[in-house]
PDB file of N, CA and C in Angstrom:
ATOM      1  N   UNK A   1     120.309   9.955 142.064  1.00  0.00           N
ATOM      2  CA  UNK A   1     120.567  10.378 140.717  1.00  0.00           C
ATOM      3  C   UNK A   1     120.851  11.949 140.791  1.00  0.00           C
ATOM      4  N   UNK A   2     120.100  12.701 141.440  1.00  0.00           N
ATOM      5  CA  UNK A   2     120.363  14.150 141.489  1.00  0.00           C
ATOM      6  C   UNK A   2     121.770  14.412 142.050  1.00  0.00           C
ATOM      7  N   UNK A   3     122.177  13.747 143.231  1.00  0.00           N
ATOM      8  CA  UNK A   3     123.481  14.027 143.714  1.00  0.00           C
ATOM      9  C   UNK A   3     124.666  13.570 142.890  1.00  0.00           C
ATOM     10  N   UNK A   4     124.430  12.527 142.090  1.00  0.00           N
ATOM     11  CA  UNK A   4     125.470  12.010 141.177  1.00  0.00           C
ATOM     12  C   UNK A   4     125.654  13.056 140.011  1.00  0.00           C
ATOM     13  N   UNK A   5     124.560  13.564 139.542  1.00  0.00           N
ATOM     14  CA  UNK A   5     124.732  14.611 138.475  1.00  0.00           C
ATOM     15  C   UNK A   5     125.309  15.871 139.024  1.00  0.00           C
ATOM     16  N   UNK A   6     124.865  16.334 140.152  1.00  0.00           N
ATOM     17  CA  UNK A   6     125.492  17.481 140.804  1.00  0.00           C
ATOM     18  C   UNK A   6     126.959  17.283 140.978  1.00  0.00           C
ATOM     19  N   UNK A   7     127.419  16.264 141.409  1.00  0.00           N
ATOM     20  CA  UNK A   7     128.768  15.864 141.739  1.00  0.00           C
ATOM     21  C   UNK A   7     129.632  15.908 140.324  1.00  0.00           C
ATOM     22  N   UNK A   8     128.864  15.481 139.205  1.00  0.00           N
ATOM     23  CA  UNK A   8     129.548  15.519 137.920  1.00  0.00           C
ATOM     24  C   UNK A   8     129.825  16.876 137.407  1.00  0.00           C
ATOM     25  N   UNK A   9     128.826  17.818 137.597  1.00  0.00           N
ATOM     26  CA  UNK A   9     128.985  19.085 136.974  1.00  0.00           C
ATOM     27  C   UNK A   9     129.403  20.206 137.924  1.00  0.00           C
ATOM     28  N   UNK A  10     129.583  19.972 139.220  1.00  0.00           N
ATOM     29  CA  UNK A  10     129.917  21.077 140.132  1.00  0.00           C
ATOM     30  C   UNK A  10     130.875  20.545 141.249  1.00  0.00           C
ATOM     31  N   UNK A  11     131.711  21.486 141.743  1.00  0.00           N
ATOM     32  CA  UNK A  11     132.611  21.121 142.885  1.00  0.00           C
ATOM     33  C   UNK A  11     131.938  21.062 144.233  1.00  0.00           C
ATOM     34  N   UNK A  12     130.739  21.723 144.346  1.00  0.00           N
ATOM     35  CA  UNK A  12     130.032  21.762 145.563  1.00  0.00           C
ATOM     36  C   UNK A  12     128.445  21.917 145.243  1.00  0.00           C
ATOM     37  N   UNK A  13     127.717  21.692 146.179  1.00  0.00           N
ATOM     38  CA  UNK A  13     126.226  21.803 146.191  1.00  0.00           C
ATOM     39  C   UNK A  13     125.773  22.548 147.378  1.00  0.00           C
ATOM     40  N   UNK A  14     124.878  23.513 147.260  1.00  0.00           N
ATOM     41  CA  UNK A  14     124.294  24.115 148.460  1.00  0.00           C
ATOM     42  C   UNK A  14     122.710  23.867 148.438  1.00  0.00           C
ATOM     43  N   UNK A  15     122.172  23.245 149.410  1.00  0.00           N
ATOM     44  CA  UNK A  15     120.826  23.013 149.450  1.00  0.00           C
ATOM     45  C   UNK A  15     120.186  23.865 150.605  1.00  0.00           C
ATOM     46  N   UNK A  16     119.175  24.563 150.220  1.00  0.00           N
ATOM     47  CA  UNK A  16     118.352  25.494 151.104  1.00  0.00           C
ATOM     48  C   UNK A  16     116.948  24.843 151.154  1.00  0.00           C
ATOM     49  N   UNK A  17     116.420  24.640 152.364  1.00  0.00           N
ATOM     50  CA  UNK A  17     115.151  23.934 152.494  1.00  0.00           C
ATOM     51  C   UNK A  17     114.422  24.555 153.655  1.00  0.00           C
ATOM     52  N   UNK A  18     113.124  24.334 153.771  1.00  0.00           N
ATOM     53  CA  UNK A  18     112.328  24.798 154.877  1.00  0.00           C
ATOM     54  C   UNK A  18     112.775  23.975 156.127  1.00  0.00           C
ATOM     55  N   UNK A  19     112.895  24.597 157.322  1.00  0.00           N
ATOM     56  CA  UNK A  19     113.321  23.949 158.542  1.00  0.00           C
ATOM     57  C   UNK A  19     112.202  23.172 159.040  1.00  0.00           C
ATOM     58  N   UNK A  20     112.472  22.162 159.812  1.00  0.00           N
ATOM     59  CA  UNK A  20     111.426  21.303 160.491  1.00  0.00           C
ATOM     60  C   UNK A  20     110.961  22.171 161.799  1.00  0.00           C
ATOM     61  N   UNK A  21     109.691  22.444 161.764  1.00  0.00           N
ATOM     62  CA  UNK A  21     109.080  23.184 162.855  1.00  0.00           C
ATOM     63  C   UNK A  21     108.307  22.284 163.839  1.00  0.00           C
ATOM     64  N   UNK A  22     108.345  22.770 165.062  1.00  0.00           N
ATOM     65  CA  UNK A  22     107.487  21.937 166.030  1.00  0.00           C
ATOM     66  C   UNK A  22     106.083  21.723 165.539  1.00  0.00           C
ATOM     67  N   UNK A  23     105.662  20.484 165.772  1.00  0.00           N
ATOM     68  CA  UNK A  23     104.271  20.105 165.380  1.00  0.00           C
ATOM     69  C   UNK A  23     104.083  19.665 163.983  1.00  0.00           C
ATOM     70  N   UNK A  24     105.259  19.733 163.121  1.00  0.00           N
ATOM     71  CA  UNK A  24     105.128  19.382 161.745  1.00  0.00           C
ATOM     72  C   UNK A  24     105.789  17.919 161.645  1.00  0.00           C
ATOM     73  N   UNK A  25     104.906  17.147 160.962  1.00  0.00           N
ATOM     74  CA  UNK A  25     105.480  15.742 160.673  1.00  0.00           C
ATOM     75  C   UNK A  25     106.772  15.804 159.827  1.00  0.00           C
ATOM     76  N   UNK A  26     107.785  15.040 160.163  1.00  0.00           N
ATOM     77  CA  UNK A  26     109.010  15.138 159.434  1.00  0.00           C
ATOM     78  C   UNK A  26     108.885  14.529 157.842  1.00  0.00           C
ATOM     79  N   UNK A  27     107.906  13.707 157.749  1.00  0.00           N
ATOM     80  CA  UNK A  27     107.734  13.171 156.430  1.00  0.00           C
ATOM     81  C   UNK A  27     106.161  13.263 156.069  1.00  0.00           C
ATOM     82  N   UNK A  28     105.827  13.747 154.908  1.00  0.00           N
ATOM     83  CA  UNK A  28     104.351  13.823 154.584  1.00  0.00           C
ATOM     84  C   UNK A  28     104.209  13.866 153.047  1.00  0.00           C
ATOM     85  N   UNK A  29     103.018  13.619 152.604  1.00  0.00           N
ATOM     86  CA  UNK A  29     102.580  13.703 151.250  1.00  0.00           C
ATOM     87  C   UNK A  29     101.820  15.001 151.207  1.00  0.00           C
ATOM     88  N   UNK A  30     102.103  15.790 150.134  1.00  0.00           N
ATOM     89  CA  UNK A  30     101.424  17.118 149.979  1.00  0.00           C
ATOM     90  C   UNK A  30     100.942  17.212 148.554  1.00  0.00           C
ATOM     91  N   UNK A  31      99.824  17.966 148.497  1.00  0.00           N
ATOM     92  CA  UNK A  31      99.270  18.222 147.115  1.00  0.00           C
ATOM     93  C   UNK A  31      99.796  19.530 146.636  1.00  0.00           C
ATOM     94  N   UNK A  32     100.271  19.577 145.372  1.00  0.00           N
ATOM     95  CA  UNK A  32     100.773  20.784 144.630  1.00  0.00           C
ATOM     96  C   UNK A  32      99.871  21.082 143.517  1.00  0.00           C
ATOM     97  N   UNK A  33      99.424  22.345 143.381  1.00  0.00           N
ATOM     98  CA  UNK A  33      98.618  22.726 142.199  1.00  0.00           C
ATOM     99  C   UNK A  33      99.481  23.748 141.412  1.00  0.00           C
ATOM    100  N   UNK A  34      99.599  23.468 140.163  1.00  0.00           N
ATOM    101  CA  UNK A  34     100.471  24.232 139.240  1.00  0.00           C
ATOM    102  C   UNK A  34      99.586  25.363 138.610  1.00  0.00           C
ATOM    103  N   UNK A  35     100.214  26.409 138.008  1.00  0.00           N
ATOM    104  CA  UNK A  35      99.519  27.428 137.293  1.00  0.00           C
ATOM    105  C   UNK A  35      98.533  27.003 136.285  1.00  0.00           C
ATOM    106  N   UNK A  36      98.826  25.924 135.606  1.00  0.00           N
ATOM    107  CA  UNK A  36      97.951  25.267 134.583  1.00  0.00           C
ATOM    108  C   UNK A  36      96.850  24.514 135.095  1.00  0.00           C
ATOM    109  N   UNK A  37      96.708  24.476 136.455  1.00  0.00           N
ATOM    110  CA  UNK A  37      95.565  23.752 137.161  1.00  0.00           C
ATOM    111  C   UNK A  37      95.882  22.229 137.410  1.00  0.00           C
ATOM    112  N   UNK A  38      96.992  21.795 136.948  1.00  0.00           N
ATOM    113  CA  UNK A  38      97.327  20.412 137.260  1.00  0.00           C
ATOM    114  C   UNK A  38      97.622  20.216 138.662  1.00  0.00           C
ATOM    115  N   UNK A  39      97.359  19.006 139.178  1.00  0.00           N
ATOM    116  CA  UNK A  39      97.589  18.689 140.605  1.00  0.00           C
ATOM    117  C   UNK A  39      98.626  17.561 140.658  1.00  0.00           C
ATOM    118  N   UNK A  40      99.456  17.642 141.597  1.00  0.00           N
ATOM    119  CA  UNK A  40     100.527  16.590 141.709  1.00  0.00           C
ATOM    120  C   UNK A  40     100.709  16.292 143.244  1.00  0.00           C
ATOM    121  N   UNK A  41     100.881  15.017 143.571  1.00  0.00           N
ATOM    122  CA  UNK A  41     101.169  14.637 144.939  1.00  0.00           C
ATOM    123  C   UNK A  41     102.601  14.448 145.094  1.00  0.00           C
ATOM    124  N   UNK A  42     103.164  15.164 146.044  1.00  0.00           N
ATOM    125  CA  UNK A  42     104.672  15.133 146.221  1.00  0.00           C
ATOM    126  C   UNK A  42     104.963  14.663 147.610  1.00  0.00           C
ATOM    127  N   UNK A  43     106.131  14.006 147.745  1.00  0.00           N
ATOM    128  CA  UNK A  43     106.605  13.523 148.987  1.00  0.00           C
ATOM    129  C   UNK A  43     107.545  14.593 149.590  1.00  0.00           C
ATOM    130  N   UNK A  44     107.298  15.094 150.769  1.00  0.00           N
ATOM    131  CA  UNK A  44     108.114  16.134 151.454  1.00  0.00           C
ATOM    132  C   UNK A  44     108.684  15.610 152.722  1.00  0.00           C
ATOM    133  N   UNK A  45     109.916  15.972 152.946  1.00  0.00           N
ATOM    134  CA  UNK A  45     110.733  15.637 154.206  1.00  0.00           C
ATOM    135  C   UNK A  45     111.235  16.971 154.773  1.00  0.00           C
ATOM    136  N   UNK A  46     111.076  17.157 155.966  1.00  0.00           N
ATOM    137  CA  UNK A  46     111.560  18.304 156.705  1.00  0.00           C
ATOM    138  C   UNK A  46     112.760  17.858 157.580  1.00  0.00           C
ATOM    139  N   UNK A  47     113.831  18.708 157.621  1.00  0.00           N
ATOM    140  CA  UNK A  47     115.014  18.340 158.369  1.00  0.00           C
ATOM    141  C   UNK A  47     115.341  19.463 159.217  1.00  0.00           C
ATOM    142  N   UNK A  48     116.054  19.057 160.399  1.00  0.00           N
ATOM    143  CA  UNK A  48     116.810  19.991 161.149  1.00  0.00           C
ATOM    144  C   UNK A  48     118.196  20.070 160.368  1.00  0.00           C
ATOM    145  N   UNK A  49     118.885  21.223 160.519  1.00  0.00           N
ATOM    146  CA  UNK A  49     120.083  21.484 159.775  1.00  0.00           C
ATOM    147  C   UNK A  49     121.138  20.238 159.920  1.00  0.00           C
ATOM    148  N   UNK A  50     121.358  19.828 161.127  1.00  0.00           N
ATOM    149  CA  UNK A  50     122.224  18.772 161.367  1.00  0.00           C
ATOM    150  C   UNK A  50     121.868  17.477 160.688  1.00  0.00           C
ATOM    151  N   UNK A  51     120.506  17.192 160.595  1.00  0.00           N
ATOM    152  CA  UNK A  51     120.068  15.996 159.970  1.00  0.00           C
ATOM    153  C   UNK A  51     120.340  16.046 158.457  1.00  0.00           C
ATOM    154  N   UNK A  52     120.079  17.226 157.847  1.00  0.00           N
ATOM    155  CA  UNK A  52     120.304  17.405 156.431  1.00  0.00           C
ATOM    156  C   UNK A  52     121.760  17.262 156.172  1.00  0.00           C
ATOM    157  N   UNK A  53     122.565  17.868 156.916  1.00  0.00           N
ATOM    158  CA  UNK A  53     124.080  17.820 156.790  1.00  0.00           C
ATOM    159  C   UNK A  53     124.428  16.392 156.803  1.00  0.00           C
ATOM    160  N   UNK A  54     123.971  15.527 157.731  1.00  0.00           N
ATOM    161  CA  UNK A  54     124.356  14.154 157.830  1.00  0.00           C
ATOM    162  C   UNK A  54     123.846  13.370 156.696  1.00  0.00           C
ATOM    163  N   UNK A  55     122.622  13.653 156.186  1.00  0.00           N
ATOM    164  CA  UNK A  55     122.049  12.923 155.093  1.00  0.00           C
ATOM    165  C   UNK A  55     122.928  13.173 153.808  1.00  0.00           C
ATOM    166  N   UNK A  56     123.335  14.350 153.690  1.00  0.00           N
ATOM    167  CA  UNK A  56     124.107  14.668 152.407  1.00  0.00           C
ATOM    168  C   UNK A  56     125.595  14.578 152.568  1.00  0.00           C
ATOM    169  N   UNK A  57     126.077  14.417 153.773  1.00  0.00           N
ATOM    170  CA  UNK A  57     127.451  14.380 153.983  1.00  0.00           C
ATOM    171  C   UNK A  57     128.141  15.754 153.901  1.00  0.00           C
ATOM    172  N   UNK A  58     127.480  16.796 154.283  1.00  0.00           N
ATOM    173  CA  UNK A  58     127.948  18.073 154.183  1.00  0.00           C
ATOM    174  C   UNK A  58     128.048  18.893 155.418  1.00  0.00           C
ATOM    175  N   UNK A  59     128.187  20.186 155.379  1.00  0.00           N
ATOM    176  CA  UNK A  59     128.411  21.085 156.568  1.00  0.00           C
ATOM    177  C   UNK A  59     127.180  22.076 156.696  1.00  0.00           C
ATOM    178  N   UNK A  60     126.681  22.311 157.848  1.00  0.00           N
ATOM    179  CA  UNK A  60     125.628  23.300 158.062  1.00  0.00           C
ATOM    180  C   UNK A  60     126.113  24.749 157.770  1.00  0.00           C
ATOM    181  N   UNK A  61     125.366  25.419 156.924  1.00  0.00           N
ATOM    182  CA  UNK A  61     125.617  26.962 156.770  1.00  0.00           C
ATOM    183  C   UNK A  61     124.660  27.688 157.523  1.00  0.00           C
ATOM    184  N   UNK A  62     123.362  27.339 157.492  1.00  0.00           N
ATOM    185  CA  UNK A  62     122.392  28.042 158.158  1.00  0.00           C
ATOM    186  C   UNK A  62     121.520  27.136 159.011  1.00  0.00           C
ATOM    187  N   UNK A  63     121.225  27.459 160.190  1.00  0.00           N
ATOM    188  CA  UNK A  63     120.333  26.579 161.096  1.00  0.00           C
ATOM    189  C   UNK A  63     119.266  27.550 161.748  1.00  0.00           C
ATOM    190  N   UNK A  64     118.427  28.036 160.805  1.00  0.00           N
ATOM    191  CA  UNK A  64     117.362  28.954 161.283  1.00  0.00           C
ATOM    192  C   UNK A  64     115.995  28.348 161.716  1.00  0.00           C
ATOM    193  N   UNK A  65     115.203  29.216 162.151  1.00  0.00           N
ATOM    194  CA  UNK A  65     113.838  28.702 162.454  1.00  0.00           C
ATOM    195  C   UNK A  65     113.072  28.421 161.348  1.00  0.00           C
ATOM    196  N   UNK A  66     113.270  29.135 160.202  1.00  0.00           N
ATOM    197  CA  UNK A  66     112.395  28.902 158.925  1.00  0.00           C
ATOM    198  C   UNK A  66     113.180  28.202 157.914  1.00  0.00           C
ATOM    199  N   UNK A  67     114.464  28.364 157.855  1.00  0.00           N
ATOM    200  CA  UNK A  67     115.177  27.677 156.754  1.00  0.00           C
ATOM    201  C   UNK A  67     116.461  27.127 157.206  1.00  0.00           C
ATOM    202  N   UNK A  68     117.002  26.080 156.522  1.00  0.00           N
ATOM    203  CA  UNK A  68     118.193  25.497 156.808  1.00  0.00           C
ATOM    204  C   UNK A  68     118.993  25.498 155.502  1.00  0.00           C
ATOM    205  N   UNK A  69     120.336  25.557 155.601  1.00  0.00           N
ATOM    206  CA  UNK A  69     121.185  25.472 154.407  1.00  0.00           C
ATOM    207  C   UNK A  69     122.362  24.608 154.721  1.00  0.00           C
ATOM    208  N   UNK A  70     122.773  23.723 153.786  1.00  0.00           N
ATOM    209  CA  UNK A  70     123.901  22.886 153.955  1.00  0.00           C
ATOM    210  C   UNK A  70     124.743  22.904 152.666  1.00  0.00           C
ATOM    211  N   UNK A  71     126.050  22.900 152.839  1.00  0.00           N
ATOM    212  CA  UNK A  71     126.955  22.859 151.667  1.00  0.00           C
ATOM    213  C   UNK A  71     127.596  21.433 151.637  1.00  0.00           C
ATOM    214  N   UNK A  72     127.639  20.828 150.472  1.00  0.00           N
ATOM    215  CA  UNK A  72     128.359  19.585 150.210  1.00  0.00           C
ATOM    216  C   UNK A  72     129.453  19.889 149.242  1.00  0.00           C
ATOM    217  N   UNK A  73     130.733  19.521 149.548  1.00  0.00           N
ATOM    218  CA  UNK A  73     131.840  19.704 148.661  1.00  0.00           C
ATOM    219  C   UNK A  73     132.371  18.229 148.409  1.00  0.00           C
ATOM    220  N   UNK A  74     132.854  18.050 147.118  1.00  0.00           N
ATOM    221  CA  UNK A  74     133.370  16.793 146.715  1.00  0.00           C
ATOM    222  C   UNK A  74     134.657  16.978 146.127  1.00  0.00           C
TER     223      UNK A  74
END
């Protein structure tokens, strides 16, 4: 749904995310605590830049140790 809406309103999308680091599980559930004290369980996936580009059908912009960035144009 997110990609469909992005495609509807923009000619391209740039996604910046935390890079997958050695020793980090590529998929995990994490706890988030908001400023109001509420707690939420979120599903987090970590990608290498090439994996994220393949997943989104885009091109790698940044393949860093801490962050990756991918551009998708339609």
